[in-house]
């Protein structure tokens, strides 16, 4: 309990820090840093570019179409005495035919759990034709489990909401990130069991987990990282403009900025920007690792549209996450001549 409480507190502190990114305050630290860089270097602050980030396709476009089975055509009254009768009745009802992907998954898992006992009972009664039909449908549904899980999770409206690139607001994240992470962990474990042939399911809890995923912060983290990338790119172009004018230090000269720049970097980048960047990077890693865990389990059934979105999303996150390291390289480059001068002296 203590560990969970500390972890929750950590996420709350993270949310408070990142909430400062909302609205005008989101840019204040970067604006201040670039202004402090530009003054001693004697160059103008360049305009900030706005990188576009990939948006998840609509859930309807991502869903897989599954082949129907012969169970719908069976007279479920012929299954009197089998628990499976109720399951097939629910599937054949008007509500069952219009069920959401998550409900369809749960109904099929129920079928997979109950069908073997019913098949055995029918064979004992020498009702071999019906038993064979049920067994054939069972095999088909077992093969469809990965696609059923995919439709109910990665292709769902809830997972799309998780990646929606909403503006980071004062109440970021909408649901505490620790809540959505716990939900992702639970769903990943459920998927692992289902894929391994353990078809038990807590229907209500699964739906709750999906709702908690929908309130997660994947989109907010993606947007924040790309926003940070754009500001640091502007800082890099500012440094490039100054380096194009010549080195800050040479054998015979030492520009005044050479002594001012280290203090600016320490106070406004290392102390002002890097702590928040580290928090976002940690959150990015945790969120993506949870998403990747399910994607890897379902990789054989992922459609091209999803794999294209995944590649674009991961590329954008990787590039954005590397922006602080790239900026450090620019800072080292502009200061290198002065470091060499100090060594020579």
Protein backbone atom coordinates (compact mmCIF):
# COMPACT_ATOMS: atom_id res chain seq x y z
CA UNK A 1 0.00 0.00 0.00
CA UNK A 2 2.86 2.39 0.83
CA UNK A 3 4.53 1.72 -2.53
CA UNK A 4 1.29 2.34 -4.41
CA UNK A 5 0.73 5.55 -2.46
CA UNK A 6 4.22 6.82 -3.25
CA UNK A 7 3.78 5.93 -6.92
CA UNK A 8 0.44 7.74 -7.06
CA UNK A 9 2.03 10.78 -5.39
CA UNK A 10 4.79 10.70 -7.98
CA UNK A 11 2.28 10.77 -10.82
CA UNK A 12 0.40 13.62 -9.11
CA UNK A 13 3.60 15.66 -8.89
CA UNK A 14 4.28 14.87 -12.53
CA UNK A 15 0.80 16.01 -13.48
CA UNK A 16 1.32 19.26 -11.59
CA UNK A 17 4.62 19.91 -13.38
CA UNK A 18 3.20 19.08 -16.77
CA UNK A 19 0.06 21.10 -16.16
CA UNK A 20 2.35 24.13 -16.28
CA UNK A 21 2.68 23.32 -19.99
CA UNK A 22 -0.93 24.31 -20.61
CA UNK A 23 -1.81 27.48 -22.47
CA UNK A 24 0.59 30.44 -22.40
CA UNK A 25 2.65 28.99 -19.52
CA UNK A 26 3.56 26.09 -21.77
CA UNK A 27 5.85 28.39 -23.72
CA UNK A 28 7.15 30.67 -20.96
CA UNK A 29 10.24 28.64 -20.04
CA UNK A 30 11.22 28.20 -23.69
CA UNK A 31 10.62 31.84 -24.60
CA UNK A 32 12.73 32.96 -21.66
CA UNK A 33 15.52 30.54 -22.55
CA UNK A 34 15.69 31.60 -26.20
CA UNK A 35 15.66 35.28 -25.26
CA UNK A 36 18.50 34.69 -22.79
CA UNK A 37 20.48 32.87 -25.48
CA UNK A 38 19.87 35.49 -28.15
CA UNK A 39 20.96 38.57 -26.16
CA UNK A 40 24.63 37.75 -25.48
CA UNK A 41 25.00 35.98 -28.83
CA UNK A 42 23.68 39.02 -30.71
CA UNK A 43 21.30 37.13 -33.00
CA UNK A 44 17.53 37.20 -33.45
CA UNK A 45 15.25 34.52 -32.05
CA UNK A 46 14.03 32.51 -35.08
CA UNK A 47 10.34 31.67 -35.53
CA UNK A 48 9.22 28.38 -34.05
CA UNK A 49 8.13 25.76 -36.56
CA UNK A 50 5.14 23.59 -35.76
CA UNK A 51 5.74 19.92 -36.45
CA UNK A 52 2.68 17.88 -37.35
CA UNK A 53 2.21 14.71 -35.36
CA UNK A 54 0.43 11.53 -36.50
CA UNK A 55 -3.15 11.09 -35.38
CA UNK A 56 -4.67 7.68 -34.84
CA UNK A 57 -7.13 6.64 -37.59
CA UNK A 58 -10.78 6.35 -36.61
CA UNK A 59 -11.67 3.13 -34.82
CA UNK A 60 -14.06 2.07 -37.58
CA UNK A 61 -11.27 2.14 -40.16
CA UNK A 62 -8.95 0.07 -38.00
CA UNK A 63 -11.32 -2.79 -37.20
CA UNK A 64 -10.89 -6.21 -38.74
CA UNK A 65 -13.86 -7.92 -40.40
CA UNK A 66 -14.27 -11.43 -39.04
CA UNK A 67 -15.71 -14.37 -40.91
CA UNK A 68 -19.11 -15.44 -39.58
CA UNK A 69 -19.73 -18.97 -38.33
CA UNK A 70 -22.52 -21.50 -38.60
CA UNK A 71 -23.67 -21.06 -35.01
CA UNK A 72 -26.06 -18.25 -35.91
CA UNK A 73 -28.03 -20.65 -38.10
CA UNK A 74 -28.41 -23.29 -35.39
CA UNK A 75 -31.58 -23.70 -33.39
CA UNK A 76 -30.32 -22.86 -29.93
CA UNK A 77 -33.31 -24.75 -28.48
CA UNK A 78 -31.60 -27.92 -29.65
CA UNK A 79 -28.92 -27.21 -27.02
CA UNK A 80 -31.28 -27.68 -24.08
CA UNK A 81 -29.29 -28.79 -21.07
CA UNK A 82 -26.09 -26.96 -22.10
CA UNK A 83 -25.01 -23.69 -20.49
CA UNK A 84 -23.91 -22.74 -23.98
CA UNK A 85 -27.57 -22.34 -24.95
CA UNK A 86 -27.78 -19.01 -23.11
CA UNK A 87 -24.58 -17.72 -24.72
CA UNK A 88 -25.78 -18.53 -28.24
CA UNK A 89 -29.14 -16.95 -27.43
CA UNK A 90 -27.38 -13.72 -26.45
CA UNK A 91 -25.27 -13.82 -29.62
CA UNK A 92 -28.32 -14.32 -31.83
CA UNK A 93 -30.37 -11.56 -30.20
CA UNK A 94 -30.70 -8.15 -31.81
CA UNK A 95 -28.50 -6.67 -29.09
CA UNK A 96 -25.92 -9.39 -29.58
CA UNK A 97 -25.70 -8.74 -33.30
CA UNK A 98 -25.12 -5.02 -32.66
CA UNK A 99 -22.73 -5.55 -29.75
CA UNK A 100 -19.62 -3.42 -29.42
CA UNK A 101 -16.30 -5.09 -30.19
CA UNK A 102 -15.57 -5.50 -26.48
CA UNK A 103 -18.91 -7.22 -25.90
CA UNK A 104 -18.39 -9.41 -28.95
CA UNK A 105 -15.03 -10.50 -27.56
CA UNK A 106 -16.53 -11.33 -24.17
CA UNK A 107 -19.36 -13.36 -25.76
CA UNK A 108 -16.91 -15.35 -27.86
CA UNK A 109 -14.71 -16.01 -24.84
CA UNK A 110 -17.80 -17.28 -23.04
CA UNK A 111 -18.50 -19.59 -25.99
CA UNK A 112 -14.94 -20.88 -25.93
CA UNK A 113 -15.24 -21.64 -22.21
CA UNK A 114 -18.58 -23.42 -22.39
CA UNK A 115 -18.54 -25.19 -25.75
CA UNK A 116 -16.23 -28.12 -24.86
CA UNK A 117 -18.57 -29.39 -22.10
CA UNK A 118 -21.57 -29.06 -24.42
CA UNK A 119 -19.78 -30.91 -27.23
CA UNK A 120 -18.91 -33.74 -24.84
CA UNK A 121 -22.51 -33.93 -23.65
CA UNK A 122 -23.87 -34.05 -27.21
CA UNK A 123 -21.44 -36.78 -28.18
CA UNK A 124 -22.54 -38.79 -25.15
CA UNK A 125 -26.10 -38.45 -26.45
CA UNK A 126 -24.87 -39.51 -29.93
CA UNK A 127 -25.97 -36.18 -31.39
CA UNK A 128 -22.83 -36.16 -33.46
CA UNK A 129 -23.89 -33.70 -36.18
CA UNK A 130 -24.65 -30.89 -33.75
CA UNK A 131 -21.56 -31.73 -31.71
CA UNK A 132 -19.39 -31.51 -34.82
CA UNK A 133 -20.91 -28.13 -35.77
CA UNK A 134 -20.24 -26.72 -32.32
CA UNK A 135 -16.70 -28.07 -32.30
CA UNK A 136 -15.99 -26.61 -35.74
CA UNK A 137 -17.24 -23.20 -34.57
CA UNK A 138 -15.07 -23.53 -31.45
CA UNK A 139 -11.94 -24.05 -33.56
CA UNK A 140 -12.83 -21.08 -35.74
CA UNK A 141 -13.40 -18.83 -32.74
CA UNK A 142 -10.15 -19.96 -31.17
CA UNK A 143 -8.32 -18.85 -34.33
CA UNK A 144 -10.15 -15.51 -34.23
CA UNK A 145 -9.16 -14.69 -30.62
CA UNK A 146 -6.21 -12.43 -31.61
CA UNK A 147 -8.41 -10.45 -34.02
CA UNK A 148 -11.23 -10.25 -31.48
CA UNK A 149 -8.83 -8.88 -28.87
CA UNK A 150 -7.40 -6.41 -31.39
CA UNK A 151 -10.86 -5.11 -32.35
CA UNK A 152 -11.78 -4.68 -28.68
CA UNK A 153 -8.54 -2.91 -27.70
CA UNK A 154 -6.08 -1.38 -30.15
CA UNK A 155 -8.81 -0.74 -32.74
CA UNK A 156 -11.31 0.57 -30.19
CA UNK A 157 -12.58 4.08 -29.56
CA UNK A 158 -11.04 3.87 -26.08
CA UNK A 159 -7.51 3.29 -27.33
CA UNK A 160 -7.96 6.01 -29.95
CA UNK A 161 -9.03 8.38 -27.17
CA UNK A 162 -5.86 7.42 -25.30
CA UNK A 163 -3.79 8.70 -28.25
CA UNK A 164 -5.94 11.73 -29.04
CA UNK A 165 -3.56 14.69 -29.23
CA UNK A 166 -5.48 16.94 -26.87
CA UNK A 167 -3.99 20.17 -25.58
CA UNK A 168 -2.29 19.73 -22.25
CA UNK A 169 -4.61 21.44 -19.79
CA UNK A 170 -4.51 22.36 -16.12
CA UNK A 171 -6.18 19.05 -15.21
CA UNK A 172 -3.65 16.95 -17.17
CA UNK A 173 -3.96 14.03 -17.24
CA UNK A 174 -7.74 13.56 -17.37
CA UNK A 175 -7.39 10.32 -15.44
CA UNK A 176 -4.24 9.94 -13.40
CA UNK A 177 -1.57 8.30 -15.52
CA UNK A 178 -1.06 5.65 -12.86
CA UNK A 179 -4.71 4.64 -13.39
CA UNK A 180 -4.38 4.25 -17.15
CA UNK A 181 -1.05 2.44 -16.78
CA UNK A 182 -2.62 -0.02 -14.35
CA UNK A 183 -5.50 -0.56 -16.78
CA UNK A 184 -3.11 -1.16 -19.69
CA UNK A 185 -1.15 -3.64 -17.57
CA UNK A 186 -4.33 -5.53 -16.65
CA UNK A 187 -5.58 -5.68 -20.24
CA UNK A 188 -2.19 -6.90 -21.45
CA UNK A 189 -2.30 -9.70 -18.88
CA UNK A 190 -5.87 -10.61 -19.86
CA UNK A 191 -4.83 -10.77 -23.51
CA UNK A 192 -1.88 -12.98 -22.65
CA UNK A 193 -4.16 -15.46 -20.86
CA UNK A 194 -6.76 -15.47 -23.62
CA UNK A 195 -4.15 -16.05 -26.30
CA UNK A 196 -2.76 -18.93 -24.22
CA UNK A 197 -6.18 -20.63 -24.10
CA UNK A 198 -7.40 -19.45 -20.69
CA UNK A 199 -10.76 -17.93 -21.65
CA UNK A 200 -11.91 -16.76 -18.23
CA UNK A 201 -13.00 -13.11 -18.20
CA UNK A 202 -14.37 -10.56 -15.78
CA UNK A 203 -16.73 -8.79 -18.17
CA UNK A 204 -17.47 -5.73 -16.04
CA UNK A 205 -13.85 -5.20 -15.02
CA UNK A 206 -12.67 -5.42 -18.65
CA UNK A 207 -15.07 -2.62 -19.63
CA UNK A 208 -13.89 -0.54 -16.66
CA UNK A 209 -10.28 -0.98 -17.76
CA UNK A 210 -11.14 0.17 -21.28
CA UNK A 211 -12.72 3.32 -19.84
CA UNK A 212 -9.61 4.00 -17.79
CA UNK A 213 -7.43 3.58 -20.87
CA UNK A 214 -9.59 6.14 -22.68
CA UNK A 215 -8.79 8.67 -19.95
CA UNK A 216 -5.05 8.13 -20.34
CA UNK A 217 -2.42 10.56 -21.50
CA UNK A 218 -0.75 9.12 -24.60
CA UNK A 219 -1.90 11.98 -26.80
CA UNK A 220 -0.95 14.62 -24.25
CA UNK A 221 2.56 13.21 -23.91
CA UNK A 222 2.98 13.02 -27.69
CA UNK A 223 1.82 16.59 -28.14
CA UNK A 224 4.00 17.90 -25.31
CA UNK A 225 7.12 16.17 -26.63
CA UNK A 226 6.59 17.48 -30.16
CA UNK A 227 5.96 20.97 -28.77
CA UNK A 228 9.22 20.79 -26.85
CA UNK A 229 10.98 19.54 -29.99
CA UNK A 230 9.80 22.60 -31.93
CA UNK A 231 11.14 25.01 -29.31
CA UNK A 232 14.50 23.26 -29.07
CA UNK A 233 14.73 23.21 -32.86
CA UNK A 234 14.33 27.01 -32.78
CA UNK A 235 17.10 27.18 -30.17
CA UNK A 236 19.32 25.04 -32.40
CA UNK A 237 18.74 27.35 -35.37
CA UNK A 238 19.58 30.32 -33.15
CA UNK A 239 22.91 28.71 -32.26
CA UNK A 240 23.55 27.82 -35.91
CA UNK A 241 23.03 31.46 -36.87
CA UNK A 242 25.63 32.58 -34.34
CA UNK A 243 28.14 29.88 -35.29
CA UNK A 244 27.82 30.95 -38.93
CA UNK A 245 29.30 34.31 -37.88
CA UNK A 246 32.44 32.66 -36.52
CA UNK A 247 33.61 31.07 -33.26
CA UNK A 248 33.05 32.72 -29.89
CA UNK A 249 36.71 32.15 -29.06
CA UNK A 250 39.92 32.09 -31.08
CA UNK A 251 43.65 32.39 -30.37
CA UNK A 252 43.38 36.16 -30.09
CA UNK A 253 39.77 36.87 -29.05
CA UNK A 254 37.17 35.79 -26.54
CA UNK A 255 33.61 37.02 -27.07
CA UNK A 256 31.80 38.24 -23.94
CA UNK A 257 29.08 35.64 -24.62
CA UNK A 258 31.59 32.89 -23.89
CA UNK A 259 31.42 33.73 -20.19
CA UNK A 260 27.68 34.46 -20.12
CA UNK A 261 26.52 31.39 -22.03
CA UNK A 262 27.38 28.73 -19.38
CA UNK A 263 25.26 30.55 -16.79
CA UNK A 264 22.35 30.87 -19.23
CA UNK A 265 22.55 27.16 -20.05
CA UNK A 266 22.72 26.13 -16.40
CA UNK A 267 19.89 28.33 -15.13
CA UNK A 268 17.45 28.35 -18.04
CA UNK A 269 18.06 25.01 -19.76
CA UNK A 270 19.54 22.58 -17.22
CA UNK A 271 17.45 23.88 -14.31
CA UNK A 272 14.49 25.30 -16.23
CA UNK A 273 13.78 22.87 -19.07
CA UNK A 274 15.60 19.59 -18.51
CA UNK A 275 13.70 18.49 -15.36
CA UNK A 276 10.38 18.69 -17.20
CA UNK A 277 11.92 17.02 -20.24
CA UNK A 278 13.09 14.15 -18.04
CA UNK A 279 9.59 13.72 -16.60
CA UNK A 280 8.03 13.61 -20.06
CA UNK A 281 10.64 11.12 -21.26
CA UNK A 282 9.97 8.84 -18.31
CA UNK A 283 6.25 9.00 -18.94
CA UNK A 284 6.75 8.40 -22.67
CA UNK A 285 8.77 5.29 -21.97
CA UNK A 286 6.20 3.85 -19.58
CA UNK A 287 3.23 4.57 -21.82
CA UNK A 288 4.83 3.25 -25.00
CA UNK A 289 6.20 0.12 -23.33
CA UNK A 290 2.67 -0.79 -22.20
CA UNK A 291 1.23 -0.19 -25.67
CA UNK A 292 4.07 -2.12 -27.32
CA UNK A 293 3.44 -5.09 -25.04
CA UNK A 294 -0.05 -5.59 -26.48
CA UNK A 295 0.97 -4.73 -30.04
CA UNK A 296 3.65 -7.42 -29.93
CA UNK A 297 1.16 -10.03 -28.71
CA UNK A 298 -1.23 -9.17 -31.55
CA UNK A 299 1.36 -8.45 -34.24
CA UNK A 300 0.26 -11.30 -36.60
CA UNK A 301 -3.21 -9.79 -37.03
CA UNK A 302 -2.40 -6.07 -37.10
CA UNK A 303 -3.70 -4.60 -40.40
CA UNK A 304 -1.51 -2.39 -42.62
CA UNK A 305 -3.31 0.81 -41.59
CA UNK A 306 -2.52 0.14 -37.94
CA UNK A 307 1.12 -0.77 -38.55
CA UNK A 308 1.56 2.41 -40.62
CA UNK A 309 0.10 4.51 -37.82
CA UNK A 310 2.26 2.70 -35.26
CA UNK A 311 5.43 3.34 -37.27
CA UNK A 312 4.59 7.04 -37.70
CA UNK A 313 3.69 7.39 -34.01
CA UNK A 314 6.86 5.69 -32.78
CA UNK A 315 9.04 7.67 -35.17
CA UNK A 316 7.52 10.96 -34.00
CA UNK A 317 7.98 9.99 -30.36
CA UNK A 318 11.59 8.88 -30.89
CA UNK A 319 12.55 12.07 -32.73
CA UNK A 320 10.80 14.28 -30.18
CA UNK A 321 12.33 12.39 -27.25
CA UNK A 322 15.79 12.92 -28.74
CA UNK A 323 15.39 16.70 -29.06
CA UNK A 324 17.00 17.57 -25.68
CA UNK A 325 20.05 15.40 -26.47
CA UNK A 326 20.39 17.01 -29.89
CA UNK A 327 20.22 20.47 -28.33
CA UNK A 328 22.99 19.53 -25.89
CA UNK A 329 25.18 18.67 -28.87
CA UNK A 330 24.59 22.15 -30.32
CA UNK A 331 25.48 23.71 -26.98
CA UNK A 332 28.70 21.70 -26.85
CA UNK A 333 29.57 22.71 -30.40
CA UNK A 334 29.22 26.45 -29.88
CA UNK A 335 31.27 26.31 -26.66
CA UNK A 336 33.97 23.95 -27.99
CA UNK A 337 36.33 26.70 -29.27
CA UNK A 338 36.29 28.36 -25.87
CA UNK A 339 37.04 25.10 -24.10
CA UNK A 340 39.99 24.58 -26.44
CA UNK A 341 41.17 28.12 -25.73
CA UNK A 342 41.09 27.47 -21.98
CA UNK A 343 43.11 24.28 -22.43
CA UNK A 344 45.71 26.05 -24.58
CA UNK A 345 46.10 28.78 -22.01
